[in-house]
Amino acid sequence: MALKKSELYSSLWQSCDELRGGMDASQYKDYVLVLLFIKYVSDKYVGVPYAPITIPVGASFKDMVALKGKSDIGDHINKWNGSIHRTPFHLANKGSIHRTLFLI
């Protein structure tokens, strides 16, 4: 049986409410957006040379999931968020003369 879109949305909403607990929704979104960002850049850029965003070894979303249940998970995530950074434009485009010339 196929899942209806409205049922999926309802289930996701209930899950988010459970995870949020007593935290204010405006504060909760900050945590969720950071996790979504880390997931996106991890999927897209981990191991990609000259990527516009550098994900250090041990700071991917997969590494975060491995910390599930540990008491110091928040400290690790905060440290990793500070280690993810943009790669300077000239390094991100190394070897891509066409792209570099187009942007000049």
N, C-alpha and C. Protein backbone atom coordinates (compact mmCIF):
# COMPACT_ATOMS: atom_id res chain seq x y z
N MET A 1 0.84 -1.18 0.00
CA MET A 1 0.00 0.00 0.00
C MET A 1 0.89 1.25 0.00
N ALA A 2 0.59 2.16 -0.89
CA ALA A 2 1.38 3.40 -1.00
C ALA A 2 1.03 4.36 0.13
N LEU A 3 2.02 5.08 0.56
CA LEU A 3 1.85 6.08 1.62
C LEU A 3 1.42 7.40 1.00
N LYS A 4 0.36 7.98 1.54
CA LYS A 4 -0.11 9.28 1.04
C LYS A 4 0.82 10.37 1.53
N LYS A 5 0.95 11.42 0.72
CA LYS A 5 1.82 12.53 1.07
C LYS A 5 1.39 13.16 2.39
N SER A 6 0.09 13.30 2.60
CA SER A 6 -0.39 13.91 3.84
C SER A 6 -0.04 13.06 5.06
N GLU A 7 -0.07 11.74 4.91
CA GLU A 7 0.31 10.85 6.01
C GLU A 7 1.80 10.96 6.31
N LEU A 8 2.60 11.07 5.25
CA LEU A 8 4.04 11.24 5.43
C LEU A 8 4.34 12.54 6.17
N TYR A 9 3.74 13.63 5.73
CA TYR A 9 3.94 14.93 6.39
C TYR A 9 3.52 14.88 7.85
N SER A 10 2.38 14.26 8.10
CA SER A 10 1.88 14.15 9.47
C SER A 10 2.85 13.36 10.35
N SER A 11 3.35 12.26 9.81
CA SER A 11 4.29 11.43 10.56
C SER A 11 5.60 12.18 10.83
N LEU A 12 6.10 12.89 9.82
CA LEU A 12 7.33 13.67 10.00
C LEU A 12 7.14 14.77 11.04
N TRP A 13 5.99 15.44 10.98
CA TRP A 13 5.69 16.51 11.93
C TRP A 13 5.64 15.97 13.36
N GLN A 14 4.98 14.83 13.54
CA GLN A 14 4.89 14.22 14.87
C GLN A 14 6.28 13.82 15.38
N SER A 15 7.12 13.29 14.48
CA SER A 15 8.48 12.90 14.87
C SER A 15 9.28 14.12 15.33
N CYS A 16 9.15 15.21 14.59
CA CYS A 16 9.87 16.43 14.96
C CYS A 16 9.38 16.96 16.30
N ASP A 17 8.08 16.91 16.54
CA ASP A 17 7.54 17.36 17.82
C ASP A 17 8.07 16.51 18.97
N GLU A 18 8.18 15.20 18.74
CA GLU A 18 8.72 14.31 19.78
C GLU A 18 10.18 14.63 20.08
N LEU A 19 10.97 14.84 19.03
CA LEU A 19 12.38 15.15 19.22
C LEU A 19 12.58 16.50 19.89
N ARG A 20 11.74 17.45 19.55
CA ARG A 20 11.86 18.80 20.08
C ARG A 20 11.58 18.85 21.57
N GLY A 21 10.66 18.02 22.03
CA GLY A 21 10.31 18.00 23.45
C GLY A 21 9.78 19.35 23.89
N GLY A 22 10.35 19.92 24.96
CA GLY A 22 9.91 21.21 25.49
C GLY A 22 10.62 22.41 24.89
N MET A 23 11.52 22.16 23.94
CA MET A 23 12.27 23.25 23.34
C MET A 23 11.37 24.08 22.44
N ASP A 24 11.57 25.38 22.46
CA ASP A 24 10.81 26.28 21.60
C ASP A 24 11.11 25.98 20.13
N ALA A 25 10.09 26.01 19.28
CA ALA A 25 10.26 25.69 17.86
C ALA A 25 11.26 26.61 17.17
N SER A 26 11.30 27.87 17.56
CA SER A 26 12.23 28.81 16.91
C SER A 26 13.68 28.46 17.25
N GLN A 27 13.91 27.87 18.40
CA GLN A 27 15.26 27.44 18.78
C GLN A 27 15.58 26.09 18.14
N TYR A 28 14.62 25.22 18.07
CA TYR A 28 14.79 23.87 17.52
C TYR A 28 15.21 23.92 16.06
N LYS A 29 14.64 24.87 15.31
CA LYS A 29 14.95 24.95 13.88
C LYS A 29 16.44 25.20 13.65
N ASP A 30 17.08 25.90 14.56
CA ASP A 30 18.52 26.15 14.41
C ASP A 30 19.30 24.83 14.42
N TYR A 31 18.93 23.92 15.29
CA TYR A 31 19.60 22.62 15.35
C TYR A 31 19.32 21.80 14.11
N VAL A 32 18.06 21.78 13.71
CA VAL A 32 17.67 20.96 12.56
C VAL A 32 18.33 21.48 11.28
N LEU A 33 18.35 22.78 11.08
CA LEU A 33 18.96 23.33 9.88
C LEU A 33 20.46 23.04 9.81
N VAL A 34 21.14 23.09 10.94
CA VAL A 34 22.57 22.76 10.95
C VAL A 34 22.77 21.30 10.57
N LEU A 35 21.97 20.42 11.12
CA LEU A 35 22.10 19.00 10.78
C LEU A 35 21.79 18.74 9.31
N LEU A 36 20.77 19.40 8.78
CA LEU A 36 20.46 19.24 7.35
C LEU A 36 21.61 19.75 6.48
N PHE A 37 22.20 20.87 6.88
CA PHE A 37 23.33 21.40 6.13
C PHE A 37 24.51 20.42 6.15
N ILE A 38 24.83 19.91 7.33
CA ILE A 38 25.95 18.95 7.46
C ILE A 38 25.67 17.71 6.61
N LYS A 39 24.44 17.23 6.63
CA LYS A 39 24.08 16.05 5.83
C LYS A 39 24.26 16.35 4.34
N TYR A 40 23.79 17.50 3.90
CA TYR A 40 23.89 17.86 2.49
C TYR A 40 25.35 17.98 2.04
N VAL A 41 26.15 18.75 2.76
CA VAL A 41 27.54 18.93 2.33
C VAL A 41 28.34 17.64 2.47
N SER A 42 28.01 16.81 3.45
CA SER A 42 28.70 15.52 3.58
C SER A 42 28.41 14.64 2.37
N ASP A 43 27.14 14.57 1.99
CA ASP A 43 26.77 13.74 0.84
C ASP A 43 27.40 14.26 -0.45
N LYS A 44 27.48 15.55 -0.57
CA LYS A 44 27.93 16.15 -1.83
C LYS A 44 29.45 16.31 -1.93
N TYR A 45 30.14 16.62 -0.83
CA TYR A 45 31.53 17.04 -0.94
C TYR A 45 32.58 16.18 -0.22
N VAL A 46 32.19 15.21 0.59
CA VAL A 46 33.20 14.40 1.29
C VAL A 46 34.06 13.68 0.26
N GLY A 47 35.36 13.89 0.37
CA GLY A 47 36.31 13.22 -0.51
C GLY A 47 36.45 13.85 -1.89
N VAL A 48 35.78 14.96 -2.15
CA VAL A 48 35.87 15.62 -3.45
C VAL A 48 37.02 16.63 -3.41
N PRO A 49 38.04 16.43 -4.26
CA PRO A 49 39.14 17.39 -4.27
C PRO A 49 38.69 18.73 -4.83
N TYR A 50 39.20 19.80 -4.26
CA TYR A 50 38.90 21.17 -4.69
C TYR A 50 37.43 21.52 -4.60
N ALA A 51 36.71 20.91 -3.67
CA ALA A 51 35.29 21.24 -3.47
C ALA A 51 35.18 22.61 -2.82
N PRO A 52 34.05 23.29 -3.02
CA PRO A 52 33.90 24.63 -2.43
C PRO A 52 33.80 24.61 -0.90
N ILE A 53 33.49 23.45 -0.34
CA ILE A 53 33.41 23.30 1.12
C ILE A 53 34.25 22.09 1.50
N THR A 54 35.10 22.27 2.49
CA THR A 54 35.98 21.19 2.94
C THR A 54 35.38 20.52 4.17
N ILE A 55 35.21 19.20 4.10
CA ILE A 55 34.75 18.41 5.24
C ILE A 55 35.96 17.66 5.77
N PRO A 56 36.48 18.03 6.93
CA PRO A 56 37.65 17.33 7.48
C PRO A 56 37.35 15.85 7.77
N VAL A 57 38.36 15.05 7.72
CA VAL A 57 38.22 13.63 8.05
C VAL A 57 37.67 13.51 9.47
N GLY A 58 36.64 12.71 9.63
CA GLY A 58 36.03 12.52 10.94
C GLY A 58 34.93 13.51 11.27
N ALA A 59 34.57 14.40 10.34
CA ALA A 59 33.55 15.43 10.63
C ALA A 59 32.35 15.33 9.69
N SER A 60 32.13 14.18 9.09
CA SER A 60 31.00 14.01 8.18
C SER A 60 29.72 13.66 8.96
N PHE A 61 28.62 13.68 8.28
CA PHE A 61 27.35 13.32 8.90
C PHE A 61 27.40 11.87 9.40
N LYS A 62 28.04 11.00 8.64
CA LYS A 62 28.19 9.60 9.04
C LYS A 62 28.92 9.50 10.38
N ASP A 63 29.93 10.35 10.56
CA ASP A 63 30.67 10.36 11.82
C ASP A 63 29.79 10.84 12.98
N MET A 64 28.90 11.79 12.69
CA MET A 64 27.96 12.25 13.73
C MET A 64 27.02 11.14 14.16
N VAL A 65 26.51 10.41 13.18
CA VAL A 65 25.58 9.32 13.48
C VAL A 65 26.27 8.26 14.35
N ALA A 66 27.55 8.06 14.14
CA ALA A 66 28.30 7.08 14.93
C ALA A 66 28.38 7.47 16.40
N LEU A 67 28.17 8.74 16.72
CA LEU A 67 28.22 9.21 18.11
C LEU A 67 26.88 9.09 18.84
N LYS A 68 25.87 8.59 18.17
CA LYS A 68 24.54 8.48 18.76
C LYS A 68 24.61 7.79 20.12
N GLY A 69 24.00 8.43 21.11
CA GLY A 69 23.93 7.86 22.45
C GLY A 69 25.07 8.25 23.37
N LYS A 70 26.10 8.89 22.85
CA LYS A 70 27.23 9.29 23.70
C LYS A 70 26.90 10.61 24.39
N SER A 71 27.39 10.76 25.60
CA SER A 71 27.06 11.94 26.40
C SER A 71 27.71 13.23 25.90
N ASP A 72 28.81 13.12 25.15
CA ASP A 72 29.50 14.32 24.67
C ASP A 72 29.26 14.60 23.18
N ILE A 73 28.17 14.10 22.64
CA ILE A 73 27.88 14.28 21.22
C ILE A 73 27.78 15.76 20.84
N GLY A 74 27.19 16.58 21.70
CA GLY A 74 27.05 18.01 21.42
C GLY A 74 28.39 18.70 21.30
N ASP A 75 29.33 18.34 22.17
CA ASP A 75 30.67 18.94 22.11
C ASP A 75 31.36 18.59 20.79
N HIS A 76 31.22 17.33 20.37
CA HIS A 76 31.82 16.91 19.10
C HIS A 76 31.22 17.66 17.92
N ILE A 77 29.90 17.78 17.89
CA ILE A 77 29.22 18.46 16.79
C ILE A 77 29.63 19.92 16.74
N ASN A 78 29.70 20.58 17.88
CA ASN A 78 30.13 21.98 17.91
C ASN A 78 31.55 22.14 17.37
N LYS A 79 32.43 21.23 17.75
CA LYS A 79 33.82 21.27 17.28
C LYS A 79 33.87 21.06 15.76
N TRP A 80 33.08 20.12 15.26
CA TRP A 80 33.08 19.83 13.82
C TRP A 80 32.52 21.00 13.02
N ASN A 81 31.46 21.62 13.54
CA ASN A 81 30.87 22.75 12.81
C ASN A 81 31.89 23.86 12.62
N GLY A 82 32.78 24.04 13.58
CA GLY A 82 33.81 25.05 13.44
C GLY A 82 34.92 24.64 12.48
N SER A 83 35.03 23.34 12.19
CA SER A 83 36.12 22.88 11.33
C SER A 83 35.72 22.82 9.86
N ILE A 84 34.43 22.87 9.57
CA ILE A 84 33.97 22.85 8.18
C ILE A 84 34.08 24.27 7.65
N HIS A 85 34.74 24.42 6.53
CA HIS A 85 34.96 25.77 6.02
C HIS A 85 34.93 25.81 4.50
N ARG A 86 34.74 27.01 3.99
CA ARG A 86 34.76 27.22 2.54
C ARG A 86 36.19 27.15 2.05
N THR A 87 36.35 26.55 0.89
CA THR A 87 37.64 26.51 0.24
C THR A 87 37.79 27.80 -0.56
N PRO A 88 38.96 28.45 -0.50
CA PRO A 88 39.14 29.66 -1.30
C PRO A 88 38.83 29.41 -2.77
N PHE A 89 38.26 30.41 -3.44
CA PHE A 89 37.78 30.26 -4.81
C PHE A 89 38.86 29.73 -5.75
N HIS A 90 40.08 30.23 -5.64
CA HIS A 90 41.12 29.81 -6.58
C HIS A 90 41.49 28.33 -6.39
N LEU A 91 41.30 27.79 -5.18
CA LEU A 91 41.56 26.37 -4.96
C LEU A 91 40.38 25.50 -5.38
N ALA A 92 39.18 26.01 -5.16
CA ALA A 92 37.98 25.25 -5.52
C ALA A 92 37.90 25.07 -7.03
N ASN A 93 38.48 25.98 -7.79
CA ASN A 93 38.38 25.92 -9.25
C ASN A 93 39.69 25.51 -9.92
N LYS A 94 40.62 25.00 -9.16
CA LYS A 94 41.90 24.58 -9.72
C LYS A 94 41.64 23.51 -10.78
N GLY A 95 42.25 23.71 -11.93
CA GLY A 95 42.08 22.74 -13.00
C GLY A 95 40.83 22.97 -13.82
N SER A 96 40.07 23.98 -13.49
CA SER A 96 38.85 24.27 -14.24
C SER A 96 39.00 25.63 -14.90
N ILE A 97 39.82 25.70 -15.92
CA ILE A 97 40.09 26.96 -16.60
C ILE A 97 38.81 27.54 -17.18
N HIS A 98 37.99 26.69 -17.76
CA HIS A 98 36.75 27.18 -18.37
C HIS A 98 35.89 27.92 -17.35
N ARG A 99 35.69 27.32 -16.19
CA ARG A 99 34.84 27.94 -15.17
C ARG A 99 35.47 29.24 -14.67
N THR A 100 36.77 29.22 -14.46
CA THR A 100 37.46 30.40 -13.97
C THR A 100 37.36 31.54 -14.98
N LEU A 101 37.58 31.27 -16.25
CA LEU A 101 37.50 32.31 -17.27
C LEU A 101 36.08 32.86 -17.38
N PHE A 102 35.10 31.97 -17.23
CA PHE A 102 33.71 32.42 -17.34
C PHE A 102 33.35 33.40 -16.24
N LEU A 103 33.89 33.20 -15.05
CA LEU A 103 33.54 34.05 -13.91
C LEU A 103 34.35 35.34 -13.87
N ILE A 104 35.38 35.47 -14.65
CA ILE A 104 36.20 36.69 -14.63
C ILE A 104 35.55 37.81 -15.33
